[in-house]
């Protein structure tokens, strides 16, 4: 569903819009998304990112997709940090995904 896609991609403004216009927060969608780890800018880290790409595949609610994406991003981040010995700072994608999670949790409570 469009809400699942927006949630998995970390698009809080789209998530809000869809919810305000009748999207059903409990409706499940089936798909496959690669992790959002696009914050690494070093060429050496970029090639590592391609090698270690994580995927979220299955049938989930929008909130479940957002939580699974967050988990996949964290797993990829941990692996990259272990291999490179550096800590990645929080980036825009992390913040946007967390905003989607908060919006969806609030919507589920209604």
Foldseek 3Di string as FASTA:
>chain_A
DVLLVCLLQLPLVVNVVCVVVDDDQFDKDFDKDKAPPPQDDDPVVVVVCVVQIDMDGGIDGSLVSLVVSLVRNVVSQVVSCVVVVDHDDDDPRNVSSVSSNVVSVVVVVD
